[in-house]
Amino acid sequence: MNVLYGFFVIHHDRRRILHFNETYHPTVQWAIQQLREAFPFDSAPRHLIFDRDSIFCPGVAEFMKALGAEPSRLEAKAHVSVQQWIDNGGLRGRALTAEGLCEIHRRFGELLPEELLWVEEPDTGERLRVVPGELRQRDVKVGRHIPISPVALPRFLERFENV
């Protein structure tokens, strides 16, 4: 069986795909080339969040530092930390409840730096702060997906719990 590996560079504020590619044989050199293509001509961001993949070794981090970006794994570490809390019984029967989902979101958000709690509204460019653990109070867009309205969100979550 062949495994196809995907490489995505996604702009955090707008959740916009800046670059993507795939390969059956990822190498450090290939990953660095993807970053070169994603950030040509000194366009690298100040911060770059890596996932937990081992391809993002010290060589890739050093390359990004040479471009002026500070590589980070804080988001991946937050995922691991919250998953460990869940695995150790932190939800205690609340996994499929609105309360449990908000608690997961709160714990995850509290582990992130402040700059990662801000998103940009794609139509207006307005910067909005995500409040960890709280249901949103306004309409949002996530790419082409338009989520349920904030007014209907409590009813949706109630239905989610009852199914």
C-alpha atoms as a PDB file:
ATOM      1  CA  MET A   1       0.000   0.000   0.000  1.00  0.00           C
ATOM      2  CA  ASN A   2       1.309   3.437  -0.952  1.00  0.00           C
ATOM      3  CA  VAL A   3       0.768   6.315   1.435  1.00  0.00           C
ATOM      4  CA  LEU A   4       0.411   9.747  -0.109  1.00  0.00           C
ATOM      5  CA  TYR A   5       1.663  12.539   2.153  1.00  0.00           C
ATOM      6  CA  GLY A   6       0.191  16.039   1.904  1.00  0.00           C
ATOM      7  CA  PHE A   7       1.954  19.278   2.754  1.00  0.00           C
ATOM      8  CA  PHE A   8      -0.200  22.352   3.419  1.00  0.00           C
ATOM      9  CA  VAL A   9       0.734  25.896   4.318  1.00  0.00           C
ATOM     10  CA  ILE A  10      -2.379  27.631   5.666  1.00  0.00           C
ATOM     11  CA  HIS A  11      -2.664  31.297   6.620  1.00  0.00           C
ATOM     12  CA  HIS A  12      -3.971  31.312  10.194  1.00  0.00           C
ATOM     13  CA  ASP A  13      -6.068  34.492  10.154  1.00  0.00           C
ATOM     14  CA  ARG A  14      -8.051  33.643   7.055  1.00  0.00           C
ATOM     15  CA  ARG A  15      -7.649  29.839   6.982  1.00  0.00           C
ATOM     16  CA  ARG A  16      -6.550  30.294   3.364  1.00  0.00           C
ATOM     17  CA  ILE A  17      -4.329  27.684   1.703  1.00  0.00           C
ATOM     18  CA  LEU A  18      -1.118  29.411   0.613  1.00  0.00           C
ATOM     19  CA  HIS A  19       0.629  26.327  -0.767  1.00  0.00           C
ATOM     20  CA  PHE A  20       0.091  22.597  -1.004  1.00  0.00           C
ATOM     21  CA  ASN A  21       1.817  19.633  -2.553  1.00  0.00           C
ATOM     22  CA  GLU A  22       1.979  15.870  -2.115  1.00  0.00           C
ATOM     23  CA  THR A  23       4.532  13.097  -2.375  1.00  0.00           C
ATOM     24  CA  TYR A  24       4.875   9.407  -1.685  1.00  0.00           C
ATOM     25  CA  HIS A  25       8.364   9.937  -0.242  1.00  0.00           C
ATOM     26  CA  PRO A  26       8.663  13.041   1.944  1.00  0.00           C
ATOM     27  CA  THR A  27      12.174  14.109   2.890  1.00  0.00           C
ATOM     28  CA  VAL A  28      13.561  17.061   4.809  1.00  0.00           C
ATOM     29  CA  GLN A  29      14.852  18.507   1.526  1.00  0.00           C
ATOM     30  CA  TRP A  30      11.399  18.181  -0.028  1.00  0.00           C
ATOM     31  CA  ALA A  31       9.779  19.919   2.980  1.00  0.00           C
ATOM     32  CA  ILE A  32      12.289  22.780   2.760  1.00  0.00           C
ATOM     33  CA  GLN A  33      11.546  23.152  -0.954  1.00  0.00           C
ATOM     34  CA  GLN A  34       7.833  23.397  -0.170  1.00  0.00           C
ATOM     35  CA  LEU A  35       8.563  26.202   2.271  1.00  0.00           C
ATOM     36  CA  ARG A  36      10.709  27.974  -0.347  1.00  0.00           C
ATOM     37  CA  GLU A  37       7.795  27.814  -2.774  1.00  0.00           C
ATOM     38  CA  ALA A  38       5.278  28.925  -0.141  1.00  0.00           C
ATOM     39  CA  PHE A  39       7.338  31.948   0.936  1.00  0.00           C
ATOM     40  CA  PRO A  40       9.310  33.374  -2.002  1.00  0.00           C
ATOM     41  CA  PHE A  41      11.166  36.663  -1.931  1.00  0.00           C
ATOM     42  CA  ASP A  42      11.378  37.235   1.827  1.00  0.00           C
ATOM     43  CA  SER A  43       7.636  36.734   2.333  1.00  0.00           C
ATOM     44  CA  ALA A  44       7.946  34.323   5.286  1.00  0.00           C
ATOM     45  CA  PRO A  45       5.698  35.098   8.253  1.00  0.00           C
ATOM     46  CA  ARG A  46       7.073  36.103  11.615  1.00  0.00           C
ATOM     47  CA  HIS A  47       5.746  32.863  13.166  1.00  0.00           C
ATOM     48  CA  LEU A  48       5.206  29.456  11.605  1.00  0.00           C
ATOM     49  CA  ILE A  49       3.278  26.707  13.383  1.00  0.00           C
ATOM     50  CA  PHE A  50       4.410  23.168  12.672  1.00  0.00           C
ATOM     51  CA  ASP A  51       2.267  20.130  13.318  1.00  0.00           C
ATOM     52  CA  ARG A  52       3.641  17.059  15.079  1.00  0.00           C
ATOM     53  CA  ASP A  53       5.093  15.422  11.968  1.00  0.00           C
ATOM     54  CA  SER A  54       8.698  14.308  12.357  1.00  0.00           C
ATOM     55  CA  ILE A  55       9.600  15.843   8.971  1.00  0.00           C
ATOM     56  CA  PHE A  56       9.798  19.176  10.812  1.00  0.00           C
ATOM     57  CA  CYS A  57      13.182  18.341  12.284  1.00  0.00           C
ATOM     58  CA  PRO A  58      15.837  20.841  13.398  1.00  0.00           C
ATOM     59  CA  GLY A  59      16.981  21.258   9.767  1.00  0.00           C
ATOM     60  CA  VAL A  60      13.587  22.575   8.704  1.00  0.00           C
ATOM     61  CA  ALA A  61      13.379  24.802  11.787  1.00  0.00           C
ATOM     62  CA  GLU A  62      16.819  26.251  11.039  1.00  0.00           C
ATOM     63  CA  PHE A  63      15.799  26.955   7.453  1.00  0.00           C
ATOM     64  CA  MET A  64      12.741  28.866   8.668  1.00  0.00           C
ATOM     65  CA  LYS A  65      14.825  30.828  11.166  1.00  0.00           C
ATOM     66  CA  ALA A  66      17.165  31.786   8.313  1.00  0.00           C
ATOM     67  CA  LEU A  67      14.117  33.216   6.512  1.00  0.00           C
ATOM     68  CA  GLY A  68      13.264  35.251   9.612  1.00  0.00           C
ATOM     69  CA  ALA A  69      10.362  33.101  10.857  1.00  0.00           C
ATOM     70  CA  GLU A  70      10.101  31.648  14.331  1.00  0.00           C
ATOM     71  CA  PRO A  71       8.934  28.007  14.118  1.00  0.00           C
ATOM     72  CA  SER A  72       6.523  26.818  16.813  1.00  0.00           C
ATOM     73  CA  ARG A  73       4.835  23.597  17.846  1.00  0.00           C
ATOM     74  CA  LEU A  74       2.616  25.196  20.493  1.00  0.00           C
ATOM     75  CA  GLU A  75      -0.614  24.294  18.703  1.00  0.00           C
ATOM     76  CA  ALA A  76       0.450  20.647  18.370  1.00  0.00           C
ATOM     77  CA  LYS A  77       1.537  20.586  22.028  1.00  0.00           C
ATOM     78  CA  ALA A  78      -1.840  22.016  23.053  1.00  0.00           C
ATOM     79  CA  HIS A  79      -3.605  19.234  21.120  1.00  0.00           C
ATOM     80  CA  VAL A  80      -1.483  16.590  22.857  1.00  0.00           C
ATOM     81  CA  SER A  81      -2.051  18.110  26.290  1.00  0.00           C
ATOM     82  CA  VAL A  82      -5.831  18.272  25.892  1.00  0.00           C
ATOM     83  CA  GLN A  83      -5.944  14.744  24.457  1.00  0.00           C
ATOM     84  CA  GLN A  84      -3.994  13.460  27.481  1.00  0.00           C
ATOM     85  CA  TRP A  85      -6.465  15.219  29.786  1.00  0.00           C
ATOM     86  CA  ILE A  86      -9.349  13.529  27.928  1.00  0.00           C
ATOM     87  CA  ASP A  87      -7.607  10.123  27.971  1.00  0.00           C
ATOM     88  CA  ASN A  88      -7.097  10.448  31.729  1.00  0.00           C
ATOM     89  CA  GLY A  89     -10.836  10.855  32.302  1.00  0.00           C
ATOM     90  CA  GLY A  90     -11.026  14.642  32.302  1.00  0.00           C
ATOM     91  CA  LEU A  91     -14.420  14.729  30.606  1.00  0.00           C
ATOM     92  CA  ARG A  92     -16.039  12.171  32.931  1.00  0.00           C
ATOM     93  CA  GLY A  93     -19.053  11.377  30.766  1.00  0.00           C
ATOM     94  CA  ARG A  94     -19.357  14.852  29.248  1.00  0.00           C
ATOM     95  CA  ALA A  95     -17.697  14.018  25.901  1.00  0.00           C
ATOM     96  CA  LEU A  96     -20.865  14.490  23.873  1.00  0.00           C
ATOM     97  CA  THR A  97     -22.258  17.488  25.706  1.00  0.00           C
ATOM     98  CA  ALA A  98     -22.074  21.208  24.983  1.00  0.00           C
ATOM     99  CA  GLU A  99     -20.391  21.619  28.363  1.00  0.00           C
ATOM    100  CA  GLY A 100     -17.740  19.036  27.444  1.00  0.00           C
ATOM    101  CA  LEU A 101     -17.070  20.564  24.032  1.00  0.00           C
ATOM    102  CA  CYS A 102     -16.698  24.027  25.562  1.00  0.00           C
ATOM    103  CA  GLU A 103     -14.343  22.635  28.217  1.00  0.00           C
ATOM    104  CA  ILE A 104     -12.151  21.036  25.513  1.00  0.00           C
ATOM    105  CA  HIS A 105     -12.121  24.326  23.606  1.00  0.00           C
ATOM    106  CA  ARG A 106     -11.292  26.320  26.758  1.00  0.00           C
ATOM    107  CA  ARG A 107      -8.408  24.056  27.741  1.00  0.00           C
ATOM    108  CA  PHE A 108      -7.004  24.085  24.208  1.00  0.00           C
ATOM    109  CA  GLY A 109      -7.311  27.856  23.844  1.00  0.00           C
ATOM    110  CA  GLU A 110      -5.669  28.536  27.190  1.00  0.00           C
ATOM    111  CA  LEU A 111      -2.540  26.734  25.989  1.00  0.00           C
ATOM    112  CA  LEU A 112      -2.167  28.907  22.881  1.00  0.00           C
ATOM    113  CA  PRO A 113      -0.358  32.221  22.647  1.00  0.00           C
ATOM    114  CA  GLU A 114      -2.651  35.242  22.404  1.00  0.00           C
ATOM    115  CA  GLU A 115      -1.808  35.831  18.735  1.00  0.00           C
ATOM    116  CA  LEU A 116      -3.325  32.464  17.771  1.00  0.00           C
ATOM    117  CA  LEU A 117      -6.669  33.416  19.304  1.00  0.00           C
ATOM    118  CA  TRP A 118      -7.274  36.042  16.639  1.00  0.00           C
ATOM    119  CA  VAL A 119      -8.840  35.400  13.241  1.00  0.00           C
ATOM    120  CA  GLU A 120      -9.659  37.691  10.367  1.00  0.00           C
ATOM    121  CA  GLU A 121     -13.167  37.980   8.954  1.00  0.00           C
ATOM    122  CA  PRO A 122     -12.548  37.330   5.234  1.00  0.00           C
ATOM    123  CA  ASP A 123     -15.139  39.757   3.859  1.00  0.00           C
ATOM    124  CA  THR A 124     -14.318  42.776   6.003  1.00  0.00           C
ATOM    125  CA  GLY A 125     -10.777  42.144   7.228  1.00  0.00           C
ATOM    126  CA  GLU A 126     -11.997  42.715  10.804  1.00  0.00           C
ATOM    127  CA  ARG A 127      -9.879  40.922  13.404  1.00  0.00           C
ATOM    128  CA  LEU A 128     -11.904  38.880  15.865  1.00  0.00           C
ATOM    129  CA  ARG A 129     -10.753  37.253  19.092  1.00  0.00           C
ATOM    130  CA  VAL A 130     -11.804  33.662  19.709  1.00  0.00           C
ATOM    131  CA  VAL A 131     -12.794  33.303  23.375  1.00  0.00           C
ATOM    132  CA  PRO A 132     -11.735  29.843  24.567  1.00  0.00           C
ATOM    133  CA  GLY A 133     -14.627  27.846  25.979  1.00  0.00           C
ATOM    134  CA  GLU A 134     -17.363  30.254  24.927  1.00  0.00           C
ATOM    135  CA  LEU A 135     -19.894  29.860  22.154  1.00  0.00           C
ATOM    136  CA  ARG A 136     -19.503  32.490  19.466  1.00  0.00           C
ATOM    137  CA  GLN A 137     -21.847  35.445  19.448  1.00  0.00           C
ATOM    138  CA  ARG A 138     -21.752  36.314  15.746  1.00  0.00           C
ATOM    139  CA  ASP A 139     -21.853  34.728  12.327  1.00  0.00           C
ATOM    140  CA  VAL A 140     -18.567  33.468  10.924  1.00  0.00           C
ATOM    141  CA  LYS A 141     -17.198  31.998   7.707  1.00  0.00           C
ATOM    142  CA  VAL A 142     -14.609  29.255   7.531  1.00  0.00           C
ATOM    143  CA  GLY A 143     -13.461  29.093   3.938  1.00  0.00           C
ATOM    144  CA  ARG A 144     -16.547  28.264   1.877  1.00  0.00           C
ATOM    145  CA  HIS A 145     -18.273  26.665   4.854  1.00  0.00           C
ATOM    146  CA  ILE A 146     -20.850  28.866   6.562  1.00  0.00           C
ATOM    147  CA  PRO A 147     -21.475  27.456  10.049  1.00  0.00           C
ATOM    148  CA  ILE A 148     -24.786  27.448  11.865  1.00  0.00           C
ATOM    149  CA  SER A 149     -25.870  30.852  13.202  1.00  0.00           C
ATOM    150  CA  PRO A 150     -24.969  31.757  16.786  1.00  0.00           C
ATOM    151  CA  VAL A 151     -28.683  32.059  17.646  1.00  0.00           C
ATOM    152  CA  ALA A 152     -29.287  28.446  16.565  1.00  0.00           C
ATOM    153  CA  LEU A 153     -26.063  27.087  18.065  1.00  0.00           C
ATOM    154  CA  PRO A 154     -27.464  26.258  21.553  1.00  0.00           C
ATOM    155  CA  ARG A 155     -30.398  24.343  19.996  1.00  0.00           C
ATOM    156  CA  PHE A 156     -27.991  22.516  17.677  1.00  0.00           C
ATOM    157  CA  LEU A 157     -25.784  21.472  20.606  1.00  0.00           C
ATOM    158  CA  GLU A 158     -28.824  20.384  22.609  1.00  0.00           C
ATOM    159  CA  ARG A 159     -29.862  18.180  19.700  1.00  0.00           C
ATOM    160  CA  PHE A 160     -26.279  16.898  19.456  1.00  0.00           C
ATOM    161  CA  GLU A 161     -26.417  15.815  23.101  1.00  0.00           C
ATOM    162  CA  ASN A 162     -29.751  14.048  22.649  1.00  0.00           C
ATOM    163  CA  VAL A 163     -28.841  12.020  19.569  1.00  0.00           C
END
